[in-house]
Amino acid sequence: MNGVKRIAFSAHDALKPALSAWAFANEAALRHHSLTATGNTARAIMDATRLTVDSLKAGVLGGDLELGALIAEGQVDVAFLFADPLTRQPHDVDHTPILRVAAISQTVVALNEATADFLLRSALFDGPYHRPHGGRPLPAVPTQLGDHRRAS
């Protein structure tokens, strides 16, 4: 990844104000990066800042799936996912598959404000970084059924 990071945001409802306030406080540092977020999170960030954020669908309407796909395709360098651990979410598992694909693809993830602060202030944040596997799209994993079809 180069100096301009492809950054994705998602926040559970109770943490959208915290993520928006964090983005406002760090607007200058975020301004020159490429920003994407799930729908309601994108709106909250843009309402609180002068940042331009590409908007996916709302999380519960498929935005979390879109975000996971972007990560799997190697289109996200850093993800800020402010998850609310204290409130049961109607779509509880939304961040779980995102975290799984982020771990496999070596995508940098911050789950809370403290981690986001450390990450944003890292010497690596604005410079180039060659992550393991080069951030390439994840390969397709052949299934037994898929293998069987090819053998036929």
N, C-alpha and C. Protein backbone atom coordinates (compact mmCIF):
# COMPACT_ATOMS: atom_id res chain seq x y z
N MET A 1 0.84 -1.18 0.00
CA MET A 1 0.00 0.00 0.00
C MET A 1 0.88 1.23 0.00
N ASN A 2 0.43 2.25 -0.68
CA ASN A 2 1.23 3.47 -0.77
C ASN A 2 0.84 4.45 0.33
N GLY A 3 1.28 5.70 0.21
CA GLY A 3 0.99 6.69 1.24
C GLY A 3 -0.47 7.06 1.35
N VAL A 4 -1.20 7.01 0.24
CA VAL A 4 -2.63 7.29 0.26
C VAL A 4 -3.34 5.97 0.55
N LYS A 5 -3.91 5.87 1.72
CA LYS A 5 -4.57 4.63 2.14
C LYS A 5 -6.03 4.62 1.70
N ARG A 6 -6.51 3.41 1.42
CA ARG A 6 -7.93 3.19 1.14
C ARG A 6 -8.54 2.76 2.48
N ILE A 7 -9.29 3.69 3.07
CA ILE A 7 -9.80 3.51 4.43
C ILE A 7 -11.30 3.25 4.41
N ALA A 8 -11.73 2.27 5.19
CA ALA A 8 -13.15 1.96 5.31
C ALA A 8 -13.59 2.15 6.76
N PHE A 9 -14.83 2.63 6.92
CA PHE A 9 -15.41 2.85 8.24
C PHE A 9 -16.74 2.12 8.37
N SER A 10 -16.99 1.62 9.57
CA SER A 10 -18.30 1.08 9.93
C SER A 10 -18.41 1.21 11.43
N ALA A 11 -19.61 1.56 11.91
CA ALA A 11 -19.81 1.69 13.35
C ALA A 11 -21.22 1.24 13.70
N HIS A 12 -21.32 0.51 14.80
CA HIS A 12 -22.64 0.18 15.33
C HIS A 12 -23.31 1.49 15.75
N ASP A 13 -24.64 1.51 15.78
CA ASP A 13 -25.40 2.74 16.02
C ASP A 13 -24.94 3.52 17.25
N ALA A 14 -24.73 2.84 18.36
CA ALA A 14 -24.35 3.54 19.59
C ALA A 14 -22.98 4.21 19.49
N LEU A 15 -22.15 3.76 18.53
CA LEU A 15 -20.80 4.32 18.41
C LEU A 15 -20.62 5.22 17.20
N LYS A 16 -21.68 5.44 16.42
CA LYS A 16 -21.56 6.37 15.30
C LYS A 16 -21.17 7.78 15.77
N PRO A 17 -21.75 8.29 16.87
CA PRO A 17 -21.31 9.61 17.35
C PRO A 17 -19.83 9.62 17.75
N ALA A 18 -19.34 8.58 18.38
CA ALA A 18 -17.93 8.52 18.77
C ALA A 18 -17.03 8.48 17.54
N LEU A 19 -17.39 7.68 16.54
CA LEU A 19 -16.59 7.61 15.32
C LEU A 19 -16.62 8.95 14.59
N SER A 20 -17.79 9.58 14.53
CA SER A 20 -17.90 10.89 13.88
C SER A 20 -17.06 11.94 14.59
N ALA A 21 -17.08 11.94 15.91
CA ALA A 21 -16.27 12.88 16.69
C ALA A 21 -14.78 12.61 16.47
N TRP A 22 -14.41 11.32 16.41
CA TRP A 22 -13.02 10.96 16.17
C TRP A 22 -12.60 11.44 14.78
N ALA A 23 -13.45 11.23 13.78
CA ALA A 23 -13.14 11.68 12.41
C ALA A 23 -13.01 13.21 12.37
N PHE A 24 -13.87 13.92 13.09
CA PHE A 24 -13.79 15.38 13.16
C PHE A 24 -12.45 15.81 13.76
N ALA A 25 -12.05 15.16 14.86
CA ALA A 25 -10.79 15.50 15.52
C ALA A 25 -9.58 15.17 14.67
N ASN A 26 -9.73 14.23 13.75
CA ASN A 26 -8.62 13.78 12.91
C ASN A 26 -8.83 14.10 11.43
N GLU A 27 -9.68 15.07 11.16
CA GLU A 27 -10.04 15.41 9.79
C GLU A 27 -8.82 15.73 8.93
N ALA A 28 -7.90 16.49 9.44
CA ALA A 28 -6.71 16.87 8.65
C ALA A 28 -5.89 15.64 8.26
N ALA A 29 -5.77 14.69 9.16
CA ALA A 29 -4.99 13.48 8.87
C ALA A 29 -5.71 12.56 7.89
N LEU A 30 -7.03 12.58 7.89
CA LEU A 30 -7.82 11.69 7.03
C LEU A 30 -8.06 12.28 5.64
N ARG A 31 -7.96 13.59 5.51
CA ARG A 31 -8.38 14.29 4.30
C ARG A 31 -7.74 13.77 3.01
N HIS A 32 -6.48 13.41 3.02
CA HIS A 32 -5.82 13.03 1.76
C HIS A 32 -5.88 11.53 1.48
N HIS A 33 -6.67 10.81 2.24
CA HIS A 33 -6.84 9.38 1.99
C HIS A 33 -8.17 9.14 1.28
N SER A 34 -8.34 7.95 0.72
CA SER A 34 -9.58 7.56 0.05
C SER A 34 -10.50 6.91 1.08
N LEU A 35 -11.67 7.49 1.31
CA LEU A 35 -12.55 7.07 2.40
C LEU A 35 -13.85 6.43 1.87
N THR A 36 -14.22 5.32 2.48
CA THR A 36 -15.46 4.61 2.17
C THR A 36 -16.08 4.19 3.49
N ALA A 37 -17.41 4.12 3.54
CA ALA A 37 -18.08 3.67 4.76
C ALA A 37 -19.43 3.06 4.43
N THR A 38 -19.91 2.25 5.35
CA THR A 38 -21.27 1.77 5.22
C THR A 38 -22.20 2.99 5.31
N GLY A 39 -23.39 2.89 4.74
CA GLY A 39 -24.27 4.02 4.49
C GLY A 39 -24.49 5.00 5.61
N ASN A 40 -25.02 4.56 6.73
CA ASN A 40 -25.33 5.47 7.84
C ASN A 40 -24.07 6.00 8.50
N THR A 41 -23.02 5.19 8.52
CA THR A 41 -21.74 5.66 9.06
C THR A 41 -21.16 6.74 8.16
N ALA A 42 -21.23 6.56 6.85
CA ALA A 42 -20.74 7.58 5.91
C ALA A 42 -21.47 8.90 6.13
N ARG A 43 -22.79 8.82 6.26
CA ARG A 43 -23.59 10.03 6.48
C ARG A 43 -23.19 10.71 7.79
N ALA A 44 -23.00 9.94 8.84
CA ALA A 44 -22.64 10.52 10.15
C ALA A 44 -21.29 11.22 10.07
N ILE A 45 -20.32 10.60 9.39
CA ILE A 45 -18.99 11.22 9.27
C ILE A 45 -19.08 12.49 8.43
N MET A 46 -19.80 12.44 7.32
CA MET A 46 -19.89 13.64 6.46
C MET A 46 -20.67 14.76 7.13
N ASP A 47 -21.65 14.42 7.98
CA ASP A 47 -22.39 15.45 8.72
C ASP A 47 -21.51 16.14 9.76
N ALA A 48 -20.53 15.40 10.31
CA ALA A 48 -19.68 15.93 11.37
C ALA A 48 -18.40 16.59 10.86
N THR A 49 -18.07 16.34 9.59
CA THR A 49 -16.79 16.82 9.04
C THR A 49 -17.01 17.42 7.66
N ARG A 50 -15.91 17.85 7.06
CA ARG A 50 -15.95 18.27 5.66
C ARG A 50 -15.32 17.20 4.77
N LEU A 51 -15.21 15.99 5.28
CA LEU A 51 -14.62 14.89 4.51
C LEU A 51 -15.61 14.36 3.48
N THR A 52 -15.10 13.88 2.38
CA THR A 52 -15.89 13.20 1.37
C THR A 52 -15.71 11.71 1.59
N VAL A 53 -16.82 11.01 1.76
CA VAL A 53 -16.79 9.58 2.05
C VAL A 53 -17.68 8.87 1.04
N ASP A 54 -17.12 7.93 0.29
CA ASP A 54 -17.94 7.11 -0.61
C ASP A 54 -18.84 6.23 0.24
N SER A 55 -20.11 6.18 -0.11
CA SER A 55 -21.07 5.48 0.72
C SER A 55 -21.48 4.14 0.11
N LEU A 56 -21.40 3.10 0.92
CA LEU A 56 -21.95 1.80 0.57
C LEU A 56 -23.40 1.79 1.04
N LYS A 57 -24.08 0.68 0.91
CA LYS A 57 -25.42 0.55 1.47
C LYS A 57 -25.33 0.57 2.99
N ALA A 58 -26.45 0.81 3.64
CA ALA A 58 -26.50 0.70 5.10
C ALA A 58 -26.08 -0.72 5.47
N GLY A 59 -25.45 -0.87 6.62
CA GLY A 59 -24.93 -2.17 7.04
C GLY A 59 -25.94 -3.28 6.98
N VAL A 60 -27.12 -3.06 7.55
CA VAL A 60 -28.13 -4.12 7.60
C VAL A 60 -28.75 -4.39 6.23
N LEU A 61 -28.55 -3.48 5.28
CA LEU A 61 -29.10 -3.66 3.94
C LEU A 61 -28.06 -4.19 2.95
N GLY A 62 -26.95 -4.66 3.47
CA GLY A 62 -25.92 -5.25 2.61
C GLY A 62 -24.60 -4.51 2.61
N GLY A 63 -24.54 -3.36 3.28
CA GLY A 63 -23.29 -2.60 3.32
C GLY A 63 -22.14 -3.35 3.98
N ASP A 64 -22.46 -4.12 5.02
CA ASP A 64 -21.41 -4.92 5.66
C ASP A 64 -20.87 -5.97 4.69
N LEU A 65 -21.76 -6.54 3.88
CA LEU A 65 -21.33 -7.51 2.87
C LEU A 65 -20.47 -6.83 1.80
N GLU A 66 -20.89 -5.63 1.38
CA GLU A 66 -20.09 -4.88 0.41
C GLU A 66 -18.71 -4.56 0.96
N LEU A 67 -18.66 -4.17 2.23
CA LEU A 67 -17.39 -3.85 2.87
C LEU A 67 -16.50 -5.09 2.93
N GLY A 68 -17.07 -6.22 3.33
CA GLY A 68 -16.30 -7.46 3.37
C GLY A 68 -15.77 -7.83 1.99
N ALA A 69 -16.58 -7.64 0.97
CA ALA A 69 -16.14 -7.94 -0.40
C ALA A 69 -14.99 -7.03 -0.82
N LEU A 70 -15.06 -5.74 -0.48
CA LEU A 70 -13.97 -4.82 -0.81
C LEU A 70 -12.67 -5.27 -0.14
N ILE A 71 -12.77 -5.69 1.12
CA ILE A 71 -11.58 -6.17 1.82
C ILE A 71 -11.05 -7.42 1.14
N ALA A 72 -11.92 -8.37 0.82
CA ALA A 72 -11.51 -9.62 0.18
C ALA A 72 -10.87 -9.37 -1.18
N GLU A 73 -11.32 -8.33 -1.88
CA GLU A 73 -10.78 -8.00 -3.19
C GLU A 73 -9.50 -7.17 -3.11
N GLY A 74 -9.02 -6.89 -1.89
CA GLY A 74 -7.79 -6.12 -1.74
C GLY A 74 -7.98 -4.63 -1.96
N GLN A 75 -9.23 -4.13 -1.83
CA GLN A 75 -9.53 -2.73 -2.09
C GLN A 75 -9.57 -1.86 -0.84
N VAL A 76 -9.23 -2.43 0.33
CA VAL A 76 -9.20 -1.69 1.59
C VAL A 76 -7.85 -1.94 2.25
N ASP A 77 -7.19 -0.86 2.66
CA ASP A 77 -5.92 -0.98 3.37
C ASP A 77 -6.11 -0.96 4.88
N VAL A 78 -7.04 -0.11 5.34
CA VAL A 78 -7.27 0.10 6.76
C VAL A 78 -8.77 0.16 7.01
N ALA A 79 -9.24 -0.53 8.04
CA ALA A 79 -10.66 -0.49 8.41
C ALA A 79 -10.80 -0.03 9.85
N PHE A 80 -11.65 0.97 10.05
CA PHE A 80 -12.00 1.43 11.38
C PHE A 80 -13.42 0.92 11.65
N LEU A 81 -13.53 -0.08 12.48
CA LEU A 81 -14.82 -0.71 12.78
C LEU A 81 -15.13 -0.50 14.25
N PHE A 82 -15.89 0.52 14.56
CA PHE A 82 -16.22 0.81 15.95
C PHE A 82 -17.40 -0.07 16.34
N ALA A 83 -17.09 -1.14 17.05
CA ALA A 83 -18.10 -2.13 17.45
C ALA A 83 -18.53 -1.87 18.89
N ASP A 84 -19.82 -1.98 19.14
CA ASP A 84 -20.38 -1.78 20.47
C ASP A 84 -20.45 -3.14 21.17
N PRO A 85 -19.55 -3.40 22.12
CA PRO A 85 -19.54 -4.71 22.78
C PRO A 85 -20.60 -4.86 23.86
N LEU A 86 -21.27 -3.77 24.25
CA LEU A 86 -22.20 -3.82 25.37
C LEU A 86 -23.67 -3.92 24.97
N THR A 87 -23.97 -3.61 23.72
CA THR A 87 -25.36 -3.62 23.28
C THR A 87 -25.54 -4.71 22.23
N ARG A 88 -26.50 -5.57 22.45
CA ARG A 88 -26.79 -6.61 21.47
C ARG A 88 -27.29 -5.95 20.20
N GLN A 89 -26.68 -6.30 19.09
CA GLN A 89 -27.05 -5.71 17.80
C GLN A 89 -28.05 -6.62 17.09
N PRO A 90 -29.02 -6.03 16.41
CA PRO A 90 -29.96 -6.88 15.66
C PRO A 90 -29.24 -7.64 14.54
N HIS A 91 -28.10 -7.16 14.15
CA HIS A 91 -27.30 -7.82 13.12
C HIS A 91 -25.91 -8.12 13.72
N ASP A 92 -25.92 -8.82 14.87
CA ASP A 92 -24.73 -9.08 15.67
C ASP A 92 -23.52 -9.58 14.89
N VAL A 93 -23.72 -10.40 13.92
CA VAL A 93 -22.58 -11.03 13.26
C VAL A 93 -21.96 -10.19 12.16
N ASP A 94 -22.44 -8.98 11.93
CA ASP A 94 -21.96 -8.19 10.81
C ASP A 94 -20.44 -8.03 10.77
N HIS A 95 -19.81 -7.70 11.89
CA HIS A 95 -18.37 -7.47 11.87
C HIS A 95 -17.57 -8.76 11.91
N THR A 96 -18.16 -9.86 12.33
CA THR A 96 -17.42 -11.12 12.44
C THR A 96 -16.85 -11.58 11.10
N PRO A 97 -17.64 -11.67 10.03
CA PRO A 97 -17.03 -12.08 8.76
C PRO A 97 -16.05 -11.04 8.21
N ILE A 98 -16.31 -9.76 8.50
CA ILE A 98 -15.37 -8.72 8.07
C ILE A 98 -14.03 -8.92 8.76
N LEU A 99 -14.07 -9.20 10.06
CA LEU A 99 -12.83 -9.43 10.80
C LEU A 99 -12.09 -10.66 10.28
N ARG A 100 -12.84 -11.69 9.93
CA ARG A 100 -12.21 -12.91 9.41
C ARG A 100 -11.48 -12.63 8.10
N VAL A 101 -12.16 -11.99 7.17
CA VAL A 101 -11.53 -11.72 5.88
C VAL A 101 -10.41 -10.69 6.02
N ALA A 102 -10.53 -9.76 6.95
CA ALA A 102 -9.46 -8.79 7.20
C ALA A 102 -8.22 -9.48 7.74
N ALA A 103 -8.41 -10.44 8.63
CA ALA A 103 -7.26 -11.18 9.18
C ALA A 103 -6.56 -11.98 8.09
N ILE A 104 -7.33 -12.63 7.24
CA ILE A 104 -6.75 -13.44 6.17
C ILE A 104 -6.00 -12.57 5.17
N SER A 105 -6.56 -11.41 4.86
CA SER A 105 -5.97 -10.54 3.84
C SER A 105 -4.94 -9.55 4.38
N GLN A 106 -4.62 -9.65 5.67
CA GLN A 106 -3.64 -8.76 6.29
C GLN A 106 -4.07 -7.29 6.21
N THR A 107 -5.37 -7.04 6.35
CA THR A 107 -5.89 -5.67 6.37
C THR A 107 -5.81 -5.14 7.80
N VAL A 108 -5.35 -3.92 7.94
CA VAL A 108 -5.21 -3.29 9.24
C VAL A 108 -6.60 -2.92 9.76
N VAL A 109 -6.89 -3.25 11.04
CA VAL A 109 -8.22 -3.01 11.61
C VAL A 109 -8.09 -2.37 12.99
N ALA A 110 -8.90 -1.33 13.22
CA ALA A 110 -9.03 -0.72 14.55
C ALA A 110 -10.48 -0.91 14.98
N LEU A 111 -10.67 -1.45 16.19
CA LEU A 111 -12.02 -1.72 16.69
C LEU A 111 -12.52 -0.69 17.69
N ASN A 112 -11.64 0.22 18.11
CA ASN A 112 -12.06 1.23 19.07
C ASN A 112 -11.21 2.49 18.90
N GLU A 113 -11.58 3.53 19.62
CA GLU A 113 -10.92 4.82 19.47
C GLU A 113 -9.45 4.78 19.87
N ALA A 114 -9.12 4.06 20.92
CA ALA A 114 -7.72 3.98 21.34
C ALA A 114 -6.85 3.37 20.25
N THR A 115 -7.31 2.27 19.67
CA THR A 115 -6.55 1.62 18.61
C THR A 115 -6.49 2.53 17.38
N ALA A 116 -7.60 3.20 17.08
CA ALA A 116 -7.62 4.13 15.95
C ALA A 116 -6.60 5.24 16.13
N ASP A 117 -6.49 5.77 17.35
CA ASP A 117 -5.50 6.82 17.63
C ASP A 117 -4.08 6.30 17.41
N PHE A 118 -3.77 5.12 17.95
CA PHE A 118 -2.44 4.55 17.77
C PHE A 118 -2.14 4.33 16.29
N LEU A 119 -3.10 3.80 15.58
CA LEU A 119 -2.92 3.50 14.16
C LEU A 119 -2.69 4.77 13.36
N LEU A 120 -3.52 5.77 13.57
CA LEU A 120 -3.42 7.01 12.81
C LEU A 120 -2.10 7.72 13.07
N ARG A 121 -1.54 7.55 14.25
CA ARG A 121 -0.29 8.22 14.60
C ARG A 121 0.95 7.37 14.34
N SER A 122 0.75 6.20 13.77
CA SER A 122 1.88 5.33 13.43
C SER A 122 2.70 5.95 12.31
N ALA A 123 4.00 5.75 12.36
CA ALA A 123 4.88 6.22 11.29
C ALA A 123 4.54 5.55 9.96
N LEU A 124 3.92 4.40 10.00
CA LEU A 124 3.58 3.66 8.78
C LEU A 124 2.31 4.19 8.10
N PHE A 125 1.50 4.97 8.82
CA PHE A 125 0.18 5.33 8.30
C PHE A 125 0.25 6.15 7.01
N ASP A 126 1.11 7.14 6.94
CA ASP A 126 1.17 8.00 5.77
C ASP A 126 2.24 7.60 4.77
N GLY A 127 2.97 6.56 5.07
CA GLY A 127 4.01 6.12 4.14
C GLY A 127 3.67 4.80 3.51
N PRO A 128 4.55 4.34 2.65
CA PRO A 128 4.32 3.03 2.02
C PRO A 128 4.51 1.89 3.03
N TYR A 129 3.79 0.84 2.81
CA TYR A 129 3.91 -0.36 3.64
C TYR A 129 3.62 -1.56 2.75
N HIS A 130 4.49 -2.51 2.78
CA HIS A 130 4.31 -3.73 1.98
C HIS A 130 3.82 -4.82 2.91
N ARG A 131 2.51 -4.96 3.00
CA ARG A 131 1.94 -5.95 3.90
C ARG A 131 2.14 -7.35 3.33
N PRO A 132 2.17 -8.33 4.22
CA PRO A 132 2.30 -9.71 3.74
C PRO A 132 1.22 -10.02 2.71
N HIS A 133 1.58 -10.72 1.69
CA HIS A 133 0.68 -11.12 0.59
C HIS A 133 0.36 -9.96 -0.33
N GLY A 134 0.94 -8.81 -0.10
CA GLY A 134 0.80 -7.68 -0.99
C GLY A 134 -0.60 -7.11 -1.15
N GLY A 135 -1.54 -7.48 -0.29
CA GLY A 135 -2.88 -6.94 -0.39
C GLY A 135 -3.63 -7.41 -1.63
N ARG A 136 -3.17 -8.52 -2.18
CA ARG A 136 -3.86 -9.06 -3.36
C ARG A 136 -5.23 -9.58 -2.97
N PRO A 137 -6.11 -9.67 -3.94
CA PRO A 137 -7.42 -10.28 -3.65
C PRO A 137 -7.22 -11.70 -3.11
N LEU A 138 -8.13 -12.11 -2.25
CA LEU A 138 -8.05 -13.45 -1.72
C LEU A 138 -8.32 -14.47 -2.82
N PRO A 139 -7.57 -15.56 -2.82
CA PRO A 139 -7.81 -16.58 -3.85
C PRO A 139 -9.10 -17.34 -3.55
N ALA A 140 -9.69 -17.88 -4.58
CA ALA A 140 -10.85 -18.74 -4.39
C ALA A 140 -10.36 -20.03 -3.75
N VAL A 141 -11.14 -20.56 -2.83
CA VAL A 141 -10.79 -21.80 -2.16
C VAL A 141 -11.61 -22.91 -2.80
N PRO A 142 -10.94 -23.88 -3.45
CA PRO A 142 -11.70 -24.95 -4.08
C PRO A 142 -12.40 -25.80 -3.02
N THR A 143 -13.62 -26.13 -3.31
CA THR A 143 -14.37 -27.02 -2.43
C THR A 143 -14.30 -28.42 -2.98
N GLN A 144 -14.69 -29.39 -2.19
CA GLN A 144 -14.70 -30.76 -2.68
C GLN A 144 -15.65 -30.87 -3.86
N LEU A 145 -16.79 -30.19 -3.78
CA LEU A 145 -17.75 -30.22 -4.87
C LEU A 145 -17.13 -29.61 -6.12
N GLY A 146 -16.45 -28.46 -5.92
CA GLY A 146 -15.80 -27.81 -7.05
C GLY A 146 -14.73 -28.69 -7.66
N ASP A 147 -13.94 -29.36 -6.82
CA ASP A 147 -12.91 -30.26 -7.32
C ASP A 147 -13.52 -31.40 -8.09
N HIS A 148 -14.66 -31.94 -7.59
CA HIS A 148 -15.35 -33.06 -8.22
C HIS A 148 -15.84 -32.65 -9.61
N ARG A 149 -16.37 -31.43 -9.71
CA ARG A 149 -16.88 -30.98 -11.01
C ARG A 149 -15.77 -30.88 -12.03
N ARG A 150 -14.62 -30.40 -11.60
CA ARG A 150 -13.50 -30.28 -12.53
C ARG A 150 -13.02 -31.64 -12.99
N ALA A 151 -13.10 -32.63 -12.12
CA ALA A 151 -12.63 -33.98 -12.47
C ALA A 151 -13.58 -34.66 -13.41
N SER A 152 -14.85 -34.25 -13.45
CA SER A 152 -15.85 -34.91 -14.30
C SER A 152 -15.67 -34.56 -15.75
